[in-house]
Amino acid sequence: MNLLFARFLRAVYRKEPVSGFILILGVTDALIGGLGGRESLLSVGLLIALLGAVMRWRQGEKKSKAIATETVRYYLPPGSTRQPLPLLTPPNKRSR
């Protein structure tokens, strides 16, 4: 269970650390409120978790739009008409 929990936390924090923190904070508050019988803490936790999920969704939406609209830049020319450079050999092999 501990290994599974660590993998879940890593997956949440890797993409968006701020929204992941808010999401985990809200889920933790909701669990404490639900298990402890405190409805106010449960409702605040669910509200915070919902806020973290919405933040993550909106940030992912912005990234996908940015990737789709980014133009491709070519740094090298498409083809070269020059002759290729000669192979370099050590000087001692050239004289023999």
PDB file of N, CA and C in Angstrom:
ATOM      1  N   MET A   1       0.821  -1.197   0.000  1.00  0.00           N
ATOM      2  CA  MET A   1       0.000   0.000   0.000  1.00  0.00           C
ATOM      3  C   MET A   1       0.860   1.254   0.000  1.00  0.00           C
ATOM      4  N   ASN A   2       1.962   1.221   0.739  1.00  0.00           N
ATOM      5  CA  ASN A   2       2.826   2.384   0.836  1.00  0.00           C
ATOM      6  C   ASN A   2       3.489   2.691  -0.506  1.00  0.00           C
ATOM      7  N   LEU A   3       3.916   1.641  -1.244  1.00  0.00           N
ATOM      8  CA  LEU A   3       4.521   1.837  -2.557  1.00  0.00           C
ATOM      9  C   LEU A   3       3.507   2.406  -3.538  1.00  0.00           C
ATOM     10  N   LEU A   4       2.297   1.921  -3.474  1.00  0.00           N
ATOM     11  CA  LEU A   4       1.240   2.417  -4.354  1.00  0.00           C
ATOM     12  C   LEU A   4       0.929   3.885  -4.056  1.00  0.00           C
ATOM     13  N   PHE A   5       0.899   4.248  -2.787  1.00  0.00           N
ATOM     14  CA  PHE A   5       0.645   5.631  -2.384  1.00  0.00           C
ATOM     15  C   PHE A   5       1.775   6.547  -2.866  1.00  0.00           C
ATOM     16  N   ALA A   6       3.026   6.095  -2.761  1.00  0.00           N
ATOM     17  CA  ALA A   6       4.172   6.897  -3.212  1.00  0.00           C
ATOM     18  C   ALA A   6       4.121   7.107  -4.722  1.00  0.00           C
ATOM     19  N   ARG A   7       3.746   6.092  -5.471  1.00  0.00           N
ATOM     20  CA  ARG A   7       3.622   6.237  -6.929  1.00  0.00           C
ATOM     21  C   ARG A   7       2.509   7.215  -7.291  1.00  0.00           C
ATOM     22  N   PHE A   8       1.410   7.155  -6.555  1.00  0.00           N
ATOM     23  CA  PHE A   8       0.307   8.077  -6.804  1.00  0.00           C
ATOM     24  C   PHE A   8       0.739   9.517  -6.549  1.00  0.00           C
ATOM     25  N   LEU A   9       1.428   9.746  -5.449  1.00  0.00           N
ATOM     26  CA  LEU A   9       1.885  11.108  -5.135  1.00  0.00           C
ATOM     27  C   LEU A   9       2.869  11.622  -6.180  1.00  0.00           C
ATOM     28  N   ARG A  10       3.790  10.754  -6.621  1.00  0.00           N
ATOM     29  CA  ARG A  10       4.738  11.168  -7.652  1.00  0.00           C
ATOM     30  C   ARG A  10       4.039  11.526  -8.949  1.00  0.00           C
ATOM     31  N   ALA A  11       3.041  10.744  -9.322  1.00  0.00           N
ATOM     32  CA  ALA A  11       2.314  11.017 -10.567  1.00  0.00           C
ATOM     33  C   ALA A  11       1.532  12.321 -10.467  1.00  0.00           C
ATOM     34  N   VAL A  12       0.981  12.613  -9.301  1.00  0.00           N
ATOM     35  CA  VAL A  12       0.217  13.849  -9.124  1.00  0.00           C
ATOM     36  C   VAL A  12       1.132  15.067  -9.157  1.00  0.00           C
ATOM     37  N   TYR A  13       2.261  15.011  -8.470  1.00  0.00           N
ATOM     38  CA  TYR A  13       3.147  16.164  -8.370  1.00  0.00           C
ATOM     39  C   TYR A  13       3.980  16.386  -9.617  1.00  0.00           C
ATOM     40  N   ARG A  14       4.235  15.352 -10.406  1.00  0.00           N
ATOM     41  CA  ARG A  14       5.142  15.477 -11.536  1.00  0.00           C
ATOM     42  C   ARG A  14       4.632  16.452 -12.583  1.00  0.00           C
ATOM     43  N   LYS A  15       3.356  16.400 -12.894  1.00  0.00           N
ATOM     44  CA  LYS A  15       2.824  17.232 -13.972  1.00  0.00           C
ATOM     45  C   LYS A  15       2.625  18.679 -13.531  1.00  0.00           C
ATOM     46  N   GLU A  16       1.860  18.881 -12.502  1.00  0.00           N
ATOM     47  CA  GLU A  16       1.545  20.232 -12.016  1.00  0.00           C
ATOM     48  C   GLU A  16       1.662  20.240 -10.494  1.00  0.00           C
ATOM     49  N   PRO A  17       2.763  20.746  -9.945  1.00  0.00           N
ATOM     50  CA  PRO A  17       2.948  20.663  -8.501  1.00  0.00           C
ATOM     51  C   PRO A  17       1.956  21.493  -7.688  1.00  0.00           C
ATOM     52  N   VAL A  18       1.551  22.657  -8.164  1.00  0.00           N
ATOM     53  CA  VAL A  18       0.661  23.519  -7.376  1.00  0.00           C
ATOM     54  C   VAL A  18      -0.741  22.917  -7.303  1.00  0.00           C
ATOM     55  N   SER A  19      -1.283  22.547  -8.442  1.00  0.00           N
ATOM     56  CA  SER A  19      -2.623  21.972  -8.424  1.00  0.00           C
ATOM     57  C   SER A  19      -2.616  20.598  -7.758  1.00  0.00           C
ATOM     58  N   GLY A  20      -1.520  19.865  -7.882  1.00  0.00           N
ATOM     59  CA  GLY A  20      -1.405  18.576  -7.190  1.00  0.00           C
ATOM     60  C   GLY A  20      -1.419  18.749  -5.686  1.00  0.00           C
ATOM     61  N   PHE A  21      -0.727  19.765  -5.187  1.00  0.00           N
ATOM     62  CA  PHE A  21      -0.723  20.025  -3.754  1.00  0.00           C
ATOM     63  C   PHE A  21      -2.121  20.388  -3.261  1.00  0.00           C
ATOM     64  N   ILE A  22      -2.807  21.242  -4.001  1.00  0.00           N
ATOM     65  CA  ILE A  22      -4.168  21.642  -3.604  1.00  0.00           C
ATOM     66  C   ILE A  22      -5.109  20.445  -3.634  1.00  0.00           C
ATOM     67  N   LEU A  23      -4.973  19.598  -4.644  1.00  0.00           N
ATOM     68  CA  LEU A  23      -5.814  18.412  -4.755  1.00  0.00           C
ATOM     69  C   LEU A  23      -5.577  17.456  -3.591  1.00  0.00           C
ATOM     70  N   ILE A  24      -4.324  17.190  -3.267  1.00  0.00           N
ATOM     71  CA  ILE A  24      -4.013  16.279  -2.162  1.00  0.00           C
ATOM     72  C   ILE A  24      -4.414  16.886  -0.827  1.00  0.00           C
ATOM     73  N   LEU A  25      -4.262  18.188  -0.665  1.00  0.00           N
ATOM     74  CA  LEU A  25      -4.693  18.853   0.560  1.00  0.00           C
ATOM     75  C   LEU A  25      -6.202  18.698   0.756  1.00  0.00           C
ATOM     76  N   GLY A  26      -6.950  18.893  -0.315  1.00  0.00           N
ATOM     77  CA  GLY A  26      -8.406  18.764  -0.224  1.00  0.00           C
ATOM     78  C   GLY A  26      -8.842  17.346   0.071  1.00  0.00           C
ATOM     79  N   VAL A  27      -8.203  16.374  -0.573  1.00  0.00           N
ATOM     80  CA  VAL A  27      -8.561  14.968  -0.322  1.00  0.00           C
ATOM     81  C   VAL A  27      -8.229  14.586   1.114  1.00  0.00           C
ATOM     82  N   THR A  28      -7.089  15.066   1.609  1.00  0.00           N
ATOM     83  CA  THR A  28      -6.717  14.768   2.997  1.00  0.00           C
ATOM     84  C   THR A  28      -7.721  15.384   3.975  1.00  0.00           C
ATOM     85  N   ASP A  29      -8.110  16.613   3.755  1.00  0.00           N
ATOM     86  CA  ASP A  29      -9.117  17.252   4.611  1.00  0.00           C
ATOM     87  C   ASP A  29     -10.441  16.485   4.562  1.00  0.00           C
ATOM     88  N   ALA A  30     -10.831  16.060   3.368  1.00  0.00           N
ATOM     89  CA  ALA A  30     -12.086  15.329   3.230  1.00  0.00           C
ATOM     90  C   ALA A  30     -12.022  13.985   3.948  1.00  0.00           C
ATOM     91  N   LEU A  31     -10.882  13.305   3.870  1.00  0.00           N
ATOM     92  CA  LEU A  31     -10.755  12.024   4.575  1.00  0.00           C
ATOM     93  C   LEU A  31     -10.789  12.208   6.089  1.00  0.00           C
ATOM     94  N   ILE A  32     -10.090  13.217   6.587  1.00  0.00           N
ATOM     95  CA  ILE A  32     -10.099  13.475   8.028  1.00  0.00           C
ATOM     96  C   ILE A  32     -11.509  13.856   8.485  1.00  0.00           C
ATOM     97  N   GLY A  33     -12.170  14.693   7.719  1.00  0.00           N
ATOM     98  CA  GLY A  33     -13.527  15.101   8.084  1.00  0.00           C
ATOM     99  C   GLY A  33     -14.512  13.962   7.981  1.00  0.00           C
ATOM    100  N   GLY A  34     -14.379  13.093   6.984  1.00  0.00           N
ATOM    101  CA  GLY A  34     -15.297  11.970   6.822  1.00  0.00           C
ATOM    102  C   GLY A  34     -15.110  10.908   7.881  1.00  0.00           C
ATOM    103  N   LEU A  35     -13.861  10.603   8.213  1.00  0.00           N
ATOM    104  CA  LEU A  35     -13.601   9.572   9.218  1.00  0.00           C
ATOM    105  C   LEU A  35     -13.833  10.093  10.631  1.00  0.00           C
ATOM    106  N   GLY A  36     -13.642  11.381  10.849  1.00  0.00           N
ATOM    107  CA  GLY A  36     -13.804  11.952  12.177  1.00  0.00           C
ATOM    108  C   GLY A  36     -15.220  12.418  12.472  1.00  0.00           C
ATOM    109  N   GLY A  37     -16.100  12.372  11.491  1.00  0.00           N
ATOM    110  CA  GLY A  37     -17.477  12.789  11.707  1.00  0.00           C
ATOM    111  C   GLY A  37     -17.664  14.298  11.724  1.00  0.00           C
ATOM    112  N   ARG A  38     -16.752  15.015  11.113  1.00  0.00           N
ATOM    113  CA  ARG A  38     -16.868  16.480  11.063  1.00  0.00           C
ATOM    114  C   ARG A  38     -17.291  16.879   9.651  1.00  0.00           C
ATOM    115  N   GLU A  39     -18.530  17.230   9.519  1.00  0.00           N
ATOM    116  CA  GLU A  39     -19.078  17.520   8.197  1.00  0.00           C
ATOM    117  C   GLU A  39     -18.508  18.799   7.597  1.00  0.00           C
ATOM    118  N   SER A  40     -18.181  19.769   8.457  1.00  0.00           N
ATOM    119  CA  SER A  40     -17.646  21.028   7.927  1.00  0.00           C
ATOM    120  C   SER A  40     -16.269  20.798   7.299  1.00  0.00           C
ATOM    121  N   LEU A  41     -15.425  20.002   7.939  1.00  0.00           N
ATOM    122  CA  LEU A  41     -14.107  19.716   7.387  1.00  0.00           C
ATOM    123  C   LEU A  41     -14.228  18.861   6.126  1.00  0.00           C
ATOM    124  N   LEU A  42     -15.193  17.968   6.111  1.00  0.00           N
ATOM    125  CA  LEU A  42     -15.446  17.149   4.925  1.00  0.00           C
ATOM    126  C   LEU A  42     -15.862  18.027   3.746  1.00  0.00           C
ATOM    127  N   SER A  43     -16.782  18.961   3.988  1.00  0.00           N
ATOM    128  CA  SER A  43     -17.248  19.812   2.891  1.00  0.00           C
ATOM    129  C   SER A  43     -16.159  20.763   2.410  1.00  0.00           C
ATOM    130  N   VAL A  44     -15.349  21.307   3.321  1.00  0.00           N
ATOM    131  CA  VAL A  44     -14.248  22.183   2.924  1.00  0.00           C
ATOM    132  C   VAL A  44     -13.213  21.383   2.134  1.00  0.00           C
ATOM    133  N   GLY A  45     -12.941  20.162   2.577  1.00  0.00           N
ATOM    134  CA  GLY A  45     -11.984  19.313   1.869  1.00  0.00           C
ATOM    135  C   GLY A  45     -12.451  18.965   0.470  1.00  0.00           C
ATOM    136  N   LEU A  46     -13.729  18.648   0.333  1.00  0.00           N
ATOM    137  CA  LEU A  46     -14.259  18.338  -0.993  1.00  0.00           C
ATOM    138  C   LEU A  46     -14.219  19.567  -1.903  1.00  0.00           C
ATOM    139  N   LEU A  47     -14.493  20.728  -1.337  1.00  0.00           N
ATOM    140  CA  LEU A  47     -14.445  21.965  -2.116  1.00  0.00           C
ATOM    141  C   LEU A  47     -13.017  22.266  -2.578  1.00  0.00           C
ATOM    142  N   ILE A  48     -12.041  22.076  -1.703  1.00  0.00           N
ATOM    143  CA  ILE A  48     -10.638  22.313  -2.056  1.00  0.00           C
ATOM    144  C   ILE A  48     -10.175  21.284  -3.088  1.00  0.00           C
ATOM    145  N   ALA A  49     -10.583  20.023  -2.926  1.00  0.00           N
ATOM    146  CA  ALA A  49     -10.212  18.989  -3.903  1.00  0.00           C
ATOM    147  C   ALA A  49     -10.816  19.301  -5.270  1.00  0.00           C
ATOM    148  N   LEU A  50     -12.037  19.779  -5.277  1.00  0.00           N
ATOM    149  CA  LEU A  50     -12.670  20.158  -6.539  1.00  0.00           C
ATOM    150  C   LEU A  50     -11.926  21.329  -7.185  1.00  0.00           C
ATOM    151  N   LEU A  51     -11.503  22.284  -6.387  1.00  0.00           N
ATOM    152  CA  LEU A  51     -10.724  23.408  -6.889  1.00  0.00           C
ATOM    153  C   LEU A  51      -9.403  22.933  -7.500  1.00  0.00           C
ATOM    154  N   GLY A  52      -8.717  22.009  -6.839  1.00  0.00           N
ATOM    155  CA  GLY A  52      -7.466  21.462  -7.380  1.00  0.00           C
ATOM    156  C   GLY A  52      -7.681  20.708  -8.675  1.00  0.00           C
ATOM    157  N   ALA A  53      -8.770  19.947  -8.767  1.00  0.00           N
ATOM    158  CA  ALA A  53      -9.068  19.209  -9.995  1.00  0.00           C
ATOM    159  C   ALA A  53      -9.380  20.164 -11.145  1.00  0.00           C
ATOM    160  N   VAL A  54     -10.121  21.235 -10.863  1.00  0.00           N
ATOM    161  CA  VAL A  54     -10.444  22.215 -11.909  1.00  0.00           C
ATOM    162  C   VAL A  54      -9.175  22.939 -12.365  1.00  0.00           C
ATOM    163  N   MET A  55      -8.297  23.282 -11.426  1.00  0.00           N
ATOM    164  CA  MET A  55      -7.043  23.931 -11.793  1.00  0.00           C
ATOM    165  C   MET A  55      -6.205  23.032 -12.693  1.00  0.00           C
ATOM    166  N   ARG A  56      -6.121  21.765 -12.339  1.00  0.00           N
ATOM    167  CA  ARG A  56      -5.341  20.814 -13.140  1.00  0.00           C
ATOM    168  C   ARG A  56      -5.935  20.664 -14.530  1.00  0.00           C
ATOM    169  N   TRP A  57      -7.247  20.604 -14.617  1.00  0.00           N
ATOM    170  CA  TRP A  57      -7.914  20.451 -15.909  1.00  0.00           C
ATOM    171  C   TRP A  57      -7.644  21.664 -16.801  1.00  0.00           C
ATOM    172  N   ARG A  58      -7.746  22.866 -16.208  1.00  0.00           N
ATOM    173  CA  ARG A  58      -7.531  24.081 -17.001  1.00  0.00           C
ATOM    174  C   ARG A  58      -6.081  24.229 -17.434  1.00  0.00           C
ATOM    175  N   GLN A  59      -5.130  23.850 -16.567  1.00  0.00           N
ATOM    176  CA  GLN A  59      -3.721  23.941 -16.942  1.00  0.00           C
ATOM    177  C   GLN A  59      -3.389  22.944 -18.043  1.00  0.00           C
ATOM    178  N   GLY A  60      -3.955  21.763 -17.993  1.00  0.00           N
ATOM    179  CA  GLY A  60      -3.739  20.787 -19.053  1.00  0.00           C
ATOM    180  C   GLY A  60      -4.343  21.234 -20.363  1.00  0.00           C
ATOM    181  N   GLU A  61      -5.466  21.917 -20.293  1.00  0.00           N
ATOM    182  CA  GLU A  61      -6.120  22.438 -21.494  1.00  0.00           C
ATOM    183  C   GLU A  61      -5.260  23.515 -22.153  1.00  0.00           C
ATOM    184  N   LYS A  62      -4.661  24.382 -21.348  1.00  0.00           N
ATOM    185  CA  LYS A  62      -3.805  25.441 -21.885  1.00  0.00           C
ATOM    186  C   LYS A  62      -2.565  24.858 -22.550  1.00  0.00           C
ATOM    187  N   LYS A  63      -1.977  23.813 -21.951  1.00  0.00           N
ATOM    188  CA  LYS A  63      -0.779  23.203 -22.526  1.00  0.00           C
ATOM    189  C   LYS A  63      -1.081  22.549 -23.859  1.00  0.00           C
ATOM    190  N   SER A  64      -2.226  21.881 -23.971  1.00  0.00           N
ATOM    191  CA  SER A  64      -2.547  21.213 -25.229  1.00  0.00           C
ATOM    192  C   SER A  64      -2.794  22.233 -26.336  1.00  0.00           C
ATOM    193  N   LYS A  65      -3.380  23.382 -25.992  1.00  0.00           N
ATOM    194  CA  LYS A  65      -3.572  24.432 -26.998  1.00  0.00           C
ATOM    195  C   LYS A  65      -2.237  25.035 -27.414  1.00  0.00           C
ATOM    196  N   ALA A  66      -1.318  25.215 -26.479  1.00  0.00           N
ATOM    197  CA  ALA A  66      -0.016  25.795 -26.796  1.00  0.00           C
ATOM    198  C   ALA A  66       0.788  24.858 -27.684  1.00  0.00           C
ATOM    199  N   ILE A  67       0.702  23.571 -27.452  1.00  0.00           N
ATOM    200  CA  ILE A  67       1.429  22.606 -28.271  1.00  0.00           C
ATOM    201  C   ILE A  67       0.849  22.575 -29.677  1.00  0.00           C
ATOM    202  N   ALA A  68      -0.463  22.666 -29.796  1.00  0.00           N
ATOM    203  CA  ALA A  68      -1.105  22.587 -31.105  1.00  0.00           C
ATOM    204  C   ALA A  68      -0.828  23.827 -31.957  1.00  0.00           C
ATOM    205  N   THR A  69      -0.670  24.994 -31.344  1.00  0.00           N
ATOM    206  CA  THR A  69      -0.480  26.218 -32.121  1.00  0.00           C
ATOM    207  C   THR A  69       0.985  26.559 -32.362  1.00  0.00           C
ATOM    208  N   GLU A  70       1.903  25.838 -31.769  1.00  0.00           N
ATOM    209  CA  GLU A  70       3.320  26.129 -31.936  1.00  0.00           C
ATOM    210  C   GLU A  70       3.765  25.734 -33.346  1.00  0.00           C
ATOM    211  N   THR A  71       4.462  26.652 -34.016  1.00  0.00           N
ATOM    212  CA  THR A  71       4.925  26.368 -35.369  1.00  0.00           C
ATOM    213  C   THR A  71       6.265  25.641 -35.331  1.00  0.00           C
ATOM    214  N   VAL A  72       6.525  24.896 -36.374  1.00  0.00           N
ATOM    215  CA  VAL A  72       7.766  24.132 -36.466  1.00  0.00           C
ATOM    216  C   VAL A  72       8.853  25.029 -37.037  1.00  0.00           C
ATOM    217  N   ARG A  73      10.004  25.037 -36.396  1.00  0.00           N
ATOM    218  CA  ARG A  73      11.139  25.820 -36.869  1.00  0.00           C
ATOM    219  C   ARG A  73      12.217  24.866 -37.362  1.00  0.00           C
ATOM    220  N   TYR A  74      12.735  25.150 -38.531  1.00  0.00           N
ATOM    221  CA  TYR A  74      13.816  24.345 -39.075  1.00  0.00           C
ATOM    222  C   TYR A  74      15.111  25.121 -38.904  1.00  0.00           C
ATOM    223  N   TYR A  75      16.053  24.532 -38.206  1.00  0.00           N
ATOM    224  CA  TYR A  75      17.314  25.191 -37.963  1.00  0.00           C
ATOM    225  C   TYR A  75      18.360  24.849 -39.027  1.00  0.00           C
ATOM    226  N   LEU A  76      18.195  23.744 -39.707  1.00  0.00           N
ATOM    227  CA  LEU A  76      19.128  23.343 -40.739  1.00  0.00           C
ATOM    228  C   LEU A  76      18.494  23.547 -42.104  1.00  0.00           C
ATOM    229  N   PRO A  77      19.300  23.834 -43.122  1.00  0.00           N
ATOM    230  CA  PRO A  77      18.716  23.972 -44.463  1.00  0.00           C
ATOM    231  C   PRO A  77      18.168  22.618 -44.937  1.00  0.00           C
ATOM    232  N   PRO A  78      17.195  22.635 -45.846  1.00  0.00           N
ATOM    233  CA  PRO A  78      16.588  21.378 -46.273  1.00  0.00           C
ATOM    234  C   PRO A  78      17.554  20.459 -47.022  1.00  0.00           C
ATOM    235  N   GLY A  79      18.488  20.996 -47.746  1.00  0.00           N
ATOM    236  CA  GLY A  79      19.450  20.152 -48.457  1.00  0.00           C
ATOM    237  C   GLY A  79      20.740  20.905 -48.691  1.00  0.00           C
ATOM    238  N   SER A  80      21.802  20.183 -48.893  1.00  0.00           N
ATOM    239  CA  SER A  80      23.095  20.819 -49.114  1.00  0.00           C
ATOM    240  C   SER A  80      23.620  20.401 -50.481  1.00  0.00           C
ATOM    241  N   THR A  81      24.074  21.368 -51.280  1.00  0.00           N
ATOM    242  CA  THR A  81      24.604  21.079 -52.602  1.00  0.00           C
ATOM    243  C   THR A  81      26.122  21.025 -52.592  1.00  0.00           C
ATOM    244  N   ARG A  82      26.746  21.315 -51.455  1.00  0.00           N
ATOM    245  CA  ARG A  82      28.210  21.279 -51.378  1.00  0.00           C
ATOM    246  C   ARG A  82      28.698  19.845 -51.309  1.00  0.00           C
ATOM    247  N   GLN A  83      29.956  19.666 -51.664  1.00  0.00           N
ATOM    248  CA  GLN A  83      30.586  18.348 -51.590  1.00  0.00           C
ATOM    249  C   GLN A  83      30.822  17.987 -50.125  1.00  0.00           C
ATOM    250  N   PRO A  84      30.767  16.713 -49.776  1.00  0.00           N
ATOM    251  CA  PRO A  84      31.042  16.343 -48.383  1.00  0.00           C
ATOM    252  C   PRO A  84      32.513  16.557 -48.042  1.00  0.00           C
ATOM    253  N   LEU A  85      32.798  16.753 -46.797  1.00  0.00           N
ATOM    254  CA  LEU A  85      34.168  16.966 -46.344  1.00  0.00           C
ATOM    255  C   LEU A  85      34.957  15.670 -46.447  1.00  0.00           C
ATOM    256  N   PRO A  86      36.278  15.758 -46.708  1.00  0.00           N
ATOM    257  CA  PRO A  86      37.083  14.527 -46.792  1.00  0.00           C
ATOM    258  C   PRO A  86      37.251  13.914 -45.402  1.00  0.00           C
ATOM    259  N   LEU A  87      37.528  12.614 -45.394  1.00  0.00           N
ATOM    260  CA  LEU A  87      37.747  11.924 -44.134  1.00  0.00           C
ATOM    261  C   LEU A  87      39.089  12.342 -43.547  1.00  0.00           C
ATOM    262  N   LEU A  88      39.139  12.505 -42.254  1.00  0.00           N
ATOM    263  CA  LEU A  88      40.379  12.874 -41.568  1.00  0.00           C
ATOM    264  C   LEU A  88      41.123  11.619 -41.173  1.00  0.00           C
ATOM    265  N   THR A  89      42.382  11.538 -41.557  1.00  0.00           N
ATOM    266  CA  THR A  89      43.224  10.402 -41.170  1.00  0.00           C
ATOM    267  C   THR A  89      44.447  10.935 -40.472  1.00  0.00           C
ATOM    268  N   PRO A  90      45.032  10.166 -39.584  1.00  0.00           N
ATOM    269  CA  PRO A  90      46.254  10.627 -38.887  1.00  0.00           C
ATOM    270  C   PRO A  90      47.399  10.834 -39.870  1.00  0.00           C
ATOM    271  N   PRO A  91      48.352  11.773 -39.577  1.00  0.00           N
ATOM    272  CA  PRO A  91      49.440  12.069 -40.517  1.00  0.00           C
ATOM    273  C   PRO A  91      50.353  10.885 -40.771  1.00  0.00           C
ATOM    274  N   ASN A  92      50.567   9.995 -39.826  1.00  0.00           N
ATOM    275  CA  ASN A  92      51.486   8.882 -40.036  1.00  0.00           C
ATOM    276  C   ASN A  92      50.920   7.874 -41.029  1.00  0.00           C
ATOM    277  N   LYS A  93      49.642   7.774 -41.198  1.00  0.00           N
ATOM    278  CA  LYS A  93      49.061   6.832 -42.159  1.00  0.00           C
ATOM    279  C   LYS A  93      49.029   7.427 -43.553  1.00  0.00           C
ATOM    280  N   ARG A  94      49.123   8.739 -43.692  1.00  0.00           N
ATOM    281  CA  ARG A  94      49.106   9.363 -45.006  1.00  0.00           C
ATOM    282  C   ARG A  94      50.433   9.164 -45.733  1.00  0.00           C
ATOM    283  N   SER A  95      51.523   9.158 -45.025  1.00  0.00           N
ATOM    284  CA  SER A  95      52.836   9.091 -45.659  1.00  0.00           C
ATOM    285  C   SER A  95      53.168   7.694 -46.148  1.00  0.00           C
ATOM    286  N   ARG A  96      52.550   6.661 -45.703  1.00  0.00           N
ATOM    287  CA  ARG A  96      52.893   5.297 -46.101  1.00  0.00           C
ATOM    288  C   ARG A  96      52.181   4.846 -47.308  1.00  0.00           C
TER     289      ARG A  96
END
